[in-house]
């Protein structure tokens, strides 16, 4: 190899590497699982996490993303109403369950009647009901249990579900409503109660490409290997809607 050829390769390699990198905007509850899925892939992904509403609004505001992965179909549909035309139809890649959590040492619950007693004068952490899908599902569950009117003035609503998880893990609030996968990822909390499937709308994660570079990434999310990684992080199979 000539010296000129070696210099040419060295100069072009960084550009080739950058060409393979895509940007993914994803729901906060996907932190960890998407990192594990991306690790063995030759396609490099820059992962940005936040509440689904925040991610969707950033896309509408012009933030450069190749793929968007949201935890609620409503936010994916909202993108369309704002003039964002995804290059692929949204693909459902995983499901989840909703759980009530407390600190690791908290006693298990035997009935929903114990929630208000355990909460005491503290607050219930959950995602913001109108912007964070986990918060929307949490409101539906509390309505289903007949507790929304009583607890709605005792909430600590957060910008994303992982923030609600952190409040419970740090002992700042006694209870929280998060996804089962969030509780699985945090050793400082325990699941006290799991919402029945009929208590809220099905929890679905949808992915759509915003540029041609994103299509390959979405295909990788739907493989059997990726499904196994989702399961290992506590996610549920794709629900039947």
Protein backbone atom coordinates (compact mmCIF):
# COMPACT_ATOMS: atom_id res chain seq x y z
CA UNK A 1 0.00 0.00 0.00
CA UNK A 2 1.37 3.40 -0.95
CA UNK A 3 1.64 6.21 1.56
CA UNK A 4 -0.99 8.17 -0.37
CA UNK A 5 -3.45 5.26 -0.21
CA UNK A 6 -2.93 4.85 3.52
CA UNK A 7 -3.56 8.55 4.13
CA UNK A 8 -6.68 8.42 1.96
CA UNK A 9 -8.11 5.50 3.96
CA UNK A 10 -7.41 7.20 7.28
CA UNK A 11 -9.09 10.38 6.11
CA UNK A 12 -12.17 8.64 4.73
CA UNK A 13 -12.83 6.19 7.57
CA UNK A 14 -14.31 8.78 9.98
CA UNK A 15 -16.71 9.97 7.27
CA UNK A 16 -17.79 6.40 6.53
CA UNK A 17 -18.36 5.78 10.23
CA UNK A 18 -20.46 8.93 10.53
CA UNK A 19 -22.49 7.90 7.48
CA UNK A 20 -23.48 4.67 9.28
CA UNK A 21 -24.66 6.47 12.43
CA UNK A 22 -28.35 7.26 12.87
CA UNK A 23 -30.21 9.23 15.52
CA UNK A 24 -33.06 7.59 17.41
CA UNK A 25 -35.55 9.49 19.57
CA UNK A 26 -37.11 7.03 22.01
CA UNK A 27 -39.41 6.83 25.02
CA UNK A 28 -37.52 7.01 28.34
CA UNK A 29 -38.68 3.54 29.39
CA UNK A 30 -36.65 2.07 26.50
CA UNK A 31 -33.33 3.17 28.02
CA UNK A 32 -31.23 0.08 28.57
CA UNK A 33 -33.04 -2.28 26.22
CA UNK A 34 -32.33 -0.21 23.09
CA UNK A 35 -28.72 0.18 24.21
CA UNK A 36 -28.39 -3.61 24.47
CA UNK A 37 -30.04 -4.14 21.08
CA UNK A 38 -27.72 -1.57 19.49
CA UNK A 39 -24.50 -2.98 21.00
CA UNK A 40 -23.92 -5.88 18.55
CA UNK A 41 -25.36 -4.09 15.51
CA UNK A 42 -22.99 -2.80 12.82
CA UNK A 43 -25.33 0.16 12.41
CA UNK A 44 -24.38 2.74 15.03
CA UNK A 45 -27.26 4.48 16.73
CA UNK A 46 -27.18 7.70 18.72
CA UNK A 47 -29.96 7.19 21.25
CA UNK A 48 -31.83 10.11 22.78
CA UNK A 49 -34.41 9.33 25.49
CA UNK A 50 -37.27 11.31 26.99
CA UNK A 51 -41.01 11.32 27.51
CA UNK A 52 -42.87 10.30 24.34
CA UNK A 53 -44.60 13.68 24.21
CA UNK A 54 -41.27 15.48 24.52
CA UNK A 55 -39.68 13.35 21.79
CA UNK A 56 -42.64 13.91 19.46
CA UNK A 57 -42.60 17.67 20.02
CA UNK A 58 -38.87 17.84 19.33
CA UNK A 59 -39.37 16.07 16.00
CA UNK A 60 -42.10 18.55 15.07
CA UNK A 61 -39.79 21.41 16.08
CA UNK A 62 -37.24 20.18 13.54
CA UNK A 63 -34.84 18.11 15.64
CA UNK A 64 -32.86 15.79 13.32
CA UNK A 65 -33.91 12.18 13.94
CA UNK A 66 -33.90 9.12 11.70
CA UNK A 67 -36.22 7.02 13.86
CA UNK A 68 -38.81 7.75 16.52
CA UNK A 69 -39.95 5.10 19.02
CA UNK A 70 -42.89 6.09 21.22
CA UNK A 71 -44.86 4.39 23.98
CA UNK A 72 -48.30 5.36 22.75
CA UNK A 73 -50.05 5.29 19.37
CA UNK A 74 -51.70 8.65 20.11
CA UNK A 75 -48.36 10.47 19.99
CA UNK A 76 -47.41 8.71 16.76
CA UNK A 77 -50.73 9.77 15.25
CA UNK A 78 -50.17 13.31 16.54
CA UNK A 79 -46.96 13.54 14.48
CA UNK A 80 -49.05 13.01 11.35
CA UNK A 81 -51.49 15.76 12.32
CA UNK A 82 -48.49 18.10 12.64
CA UNK A 83 -47.34 17.37 9.09
CA UNK A 84 -44.65 14.79 9.92
CA UNK A 85 -44.94 12.02 7.35
CA UNK A 86 -43.07 8.93 8.51
CA UNK A 87 -41.40 6.94 5.72
CA UNK A 88 -42.62 3.65 7.18
CA UNK A 89 -45.93 2.75 8.72
CA UNK A 90 -45.47 2.60 12.52
CA UNK A 91 -44.44 -0.89 13.62
CA UNK A 92 -45.36 -2.26 17.05
CA UNK A 93 -42.18 -3.67 18.56
CA UNK A 94 -43.07 -4.54 22.18
CA UNK A 95 -45.63 -4.32 24.95
CA UNK A 96 -45.47 -3.70 28.69
CA UNK A 97 -47.42 -3.97 31.95
CA UNK A 98 -48.27 -1.25 34.44
CA UNK A 99 -47.28 -1.72 38.09
CA UNK A 100 -47.50 0.04 41.43
CA UNK A 101 -44.11 0.20 43.12
CA UNK A 102 -42.74 1.10 46.52
CA UNK A 103 -39.31 1.04 48.18
CA UNK A 104 -37.56 -2.33 48.33
CA UNK A 105 -38.57 -2.77 51.99
CA UNK A 106 -42.24 -1.87 51.47
CA UNK A 107 -44.79 -4.51 52.55
CA UNK A 108 -46.74 -6.28 49.81
CA UNK A 109 -50.32 -5.20 49.18
CA UNK A 110 -53.20 -7.60 49.52
CA UNK A 111 -55.83 -5.24 48.08
CA UNK A 112 -56.16 -1.88 46.35
CA UNK A 113 -57.83 -0.51 49.50
CA UNK A 114 -54.38 -0.37 51.11
CA UNK A 115 -52.99 2.12 48.57
CA UNK A 116 -54.28 5.26 50.28
CA UNK A 117 -53.15 3.98 53.69
CA UNK A 118 -49.64 3.22 52.44
CA UNK A 119 -49.49 6.58 50.65
CA UNK A 120 -50.37 8.46 53.83
CA UNK A 121 -49.51 12.15 53.43
CA UNK A 122 -46.99 11.39 50.68
CA UNK A 123 -47.40 11.67 46.95
CA UNK A 124 -47.85 9.12 44.19
CA UNK A 125 -45.22 9.45 41.45
CA UNK A 126 -46.33 8.94 37.85
CA UNK A 127 -45.75 10.38 34.42
CA UNK A 128 -47.56 13.57 33.50
CA UNK A 129 -51.06 12.42 32.58
CA UNK A 130 -51.39 14.48 29.37
CA UNK A 131 -47.88 14.12 27.95
CA UNK A 132 -46.32 10.89 29.20
CA UNK A 133 -47.95 7.62 28.06
CA UNK A 134 -47.20 5.89 31.39
CA UNK A 135 -49.07 8.73 33.09
CA UNK A 136 -52.02 8.34 30.74
CA UNK A 137 -52.18 4.60 31.46
CA UNK A 138 -51.78 5.29 35.20
CA UNK A 139 -54.79 7.63 35.19
CA UNK A 140 -56.84 4.95 33.41
CA UNK A 141 -55.83 2.40 36.06
CA UNK A 142 -56.62 4.71 38.97
CA UNK A 143 -60.00 5.47 37.37
CA UNK A 144 -60.59 1.72 37.01
CA UNK A 145 -59.90 1.25 40.74
CA UNK A 146 -62.11 4.21 41.67
CA UNK A 147 -59.16 6.07 43.21
CA UNK A 148 -58.53 8.88 40.74
CA UNK A 149 -60.72 11.51 42.43
CA UNK A 150 -59.14 10.76 45.79
CA UNK A 151 -55.51 10.63 44.62
CA UNK A 152 -55.44 13.23 41.84
CA UNK A 153 -54.50 15.96 44.30
CA UNK A 154 -51.70 13.84 45.79
CA UNK A 155 -49.59 13.25 42.69
CA UNK A 156 -45.97 13.91 41.81
CA UNK A 157 -46.22 14.05 38.01
CA UNK A 158 -42.95 13.83 36.08
CA UNK A 159 -41.68 14.54 32.56
CA UNK A 160 -40.99 10.85 31.92
CA UNK A 161 -41.59 7.52 33.60
CA UNK A 162 -37.95 6.99 34.62
CA UNK A 163 -38.13 10.20 36.65
CA UNK A 164 -41.13 8.78 38.53
CA UNK A 165 -39.16 5.58 39.11
CA UNK A 166 -36.24 7.59 40.53
CA UNK A 167 -38.47 9.41 43.05
CA UNK A 168 -39.52 6.08 44.56
CA UNK A 169 -36.01 4.58 44.40
CA UNK A 170 -34.59 7.57 46.29
CA UNK A 171 -37.34 7.42 48.91
CA UNK A 172 -38.71 10.85 48.02
CA UNK A 173 -42.24 9.45 47.59
CA UNK A 174 -43.74 6.26 49.02
CA UNK A 175 -45.42 4.94 45.86
CA UNK A 176 -45.25 5.22 42.08
CA UNK A 177 -46.88 3.87 38.97
CA UNK A 178 -44.42 2.80 36.28
CA UNK A 179 -43.95 0.10 33.69
CA UNK A 180 -42.97 -3.41 34.76
CA UNK A 181 -39.74 -3.05 32.77
CA UNK A 182 -38.83 0.06 34.80
CA UNK A 183 -39.31 -1.77 38.08
CA UNK A 184 -37.25 -4.66 36.67
CA UNK A 185 -34.38 -2.27 36.00
CA UNK A 186 -34.27 -0.68 39.47
CA UNK A 187 -33.16 -2.86 42.43
CA UNK A 188 -34.23 -0.25 45.01
CA UNK A 189 -37.96 -0.74 44.35
CA UNK A 190 -40.38 -3.63 44.48
CA UNK A 191 -43.64 -4.31 42.67
CA UNK A 192 -46.59 -4.09 45.05
CA UNK A 193 -49.39 -4.51 42.55
CA UNK A 194 -49.76 -5.24 38.82
CA UNK A 195 -52.58 -3.65 36.84
CA UNK A 196 -54.97 -6.10 35.20
CA UNK A 197 -54.92 -5.85 31.41
CA UNK A 198 -58.51 -4.60 31.30
CA UNK A 199 -57.68 -1.65 33.61
CA UNK A 200 -56.10 0.44 30.84
CA UNK A 201 -55.60 0.54 27.09
CA UNK A 202 -52.96 -1.86 25.70
CA UNK A 203 -49.40 -0.59 26.20
CA UNK A 204 -47.64 -0.59 22.85
CA UNK A 205 -44.27 0.70 21.65
CA UNK A 206 -44.27 1.85 18.04
CA UNK A 207 -41.32 2.68 15.82
CA UNK A 208 -41.31 4.63 12.55
CA UNK A 209 -38.55 5.86 10.27
CA UNK A 210 -38.25 9.54 9.46
CA UNK A 211 -35.42 9.11 6.95
CA UNK A 212 -34.35 6.24 4.65
CA UNK A 213 -31.47 5.47 7.03
CA UNK A 214 -33.95 4.55 9.77
CA UNK A 215 -35.64 1.66 7.97
CA UNK A 216 -32.79 -0.80 8.61
CA UNK A 217 -32.80 0.05 12.31
CA UNK A 218 -36.52 -0.68 12.63
CA UNK A 219 -36.09 -4.02 10.87
CA UNK A 220 -33.52 -4.97 13.51
CA UNK A 221 -35.98 -4.13 16.31
CA UNK A 222 -38.43 -6.75 15.01
CA UNK A 223 -36.05 -9.75 14.90
CA UNK A 224 -36.29 -12.74 17.22
CA UNK A 225 -32.98 -11.73 18.81
CA UNK A 226 -34.34 -8.28 19.65
CA UNK A 227 -37.57 -9.81 21.01
CA UNK A 228 -35.46 -11.91 23.38
CA UNK A 229 -33.63 -8.80 24.58
CA UNK A 230 -36.93 -7.00 25.17
CA UNK A 231 -38.13 -9.99 27.24
CA UNK A 232 -34.88 -10.04 29.25
CA UNK A 233 -35.57 -6.43 30.27
CA UNK A 234 -39.07 -7.20 31.52
CA UNK A 235 -41.05 -6.07 28.47
CA UNK A 236 -44.13 -7.96 27.36
CA UNK A 237 -44.78 -9.42 23.91
CA UNK A 238 -46.59 -7.27 21.37
CA UNK A 239 -50.18 -7.06 22.69
CA UNK A 240 -53.21 -7.94 20.64
CA UNK A 241 -55.09 -4.69 20.08
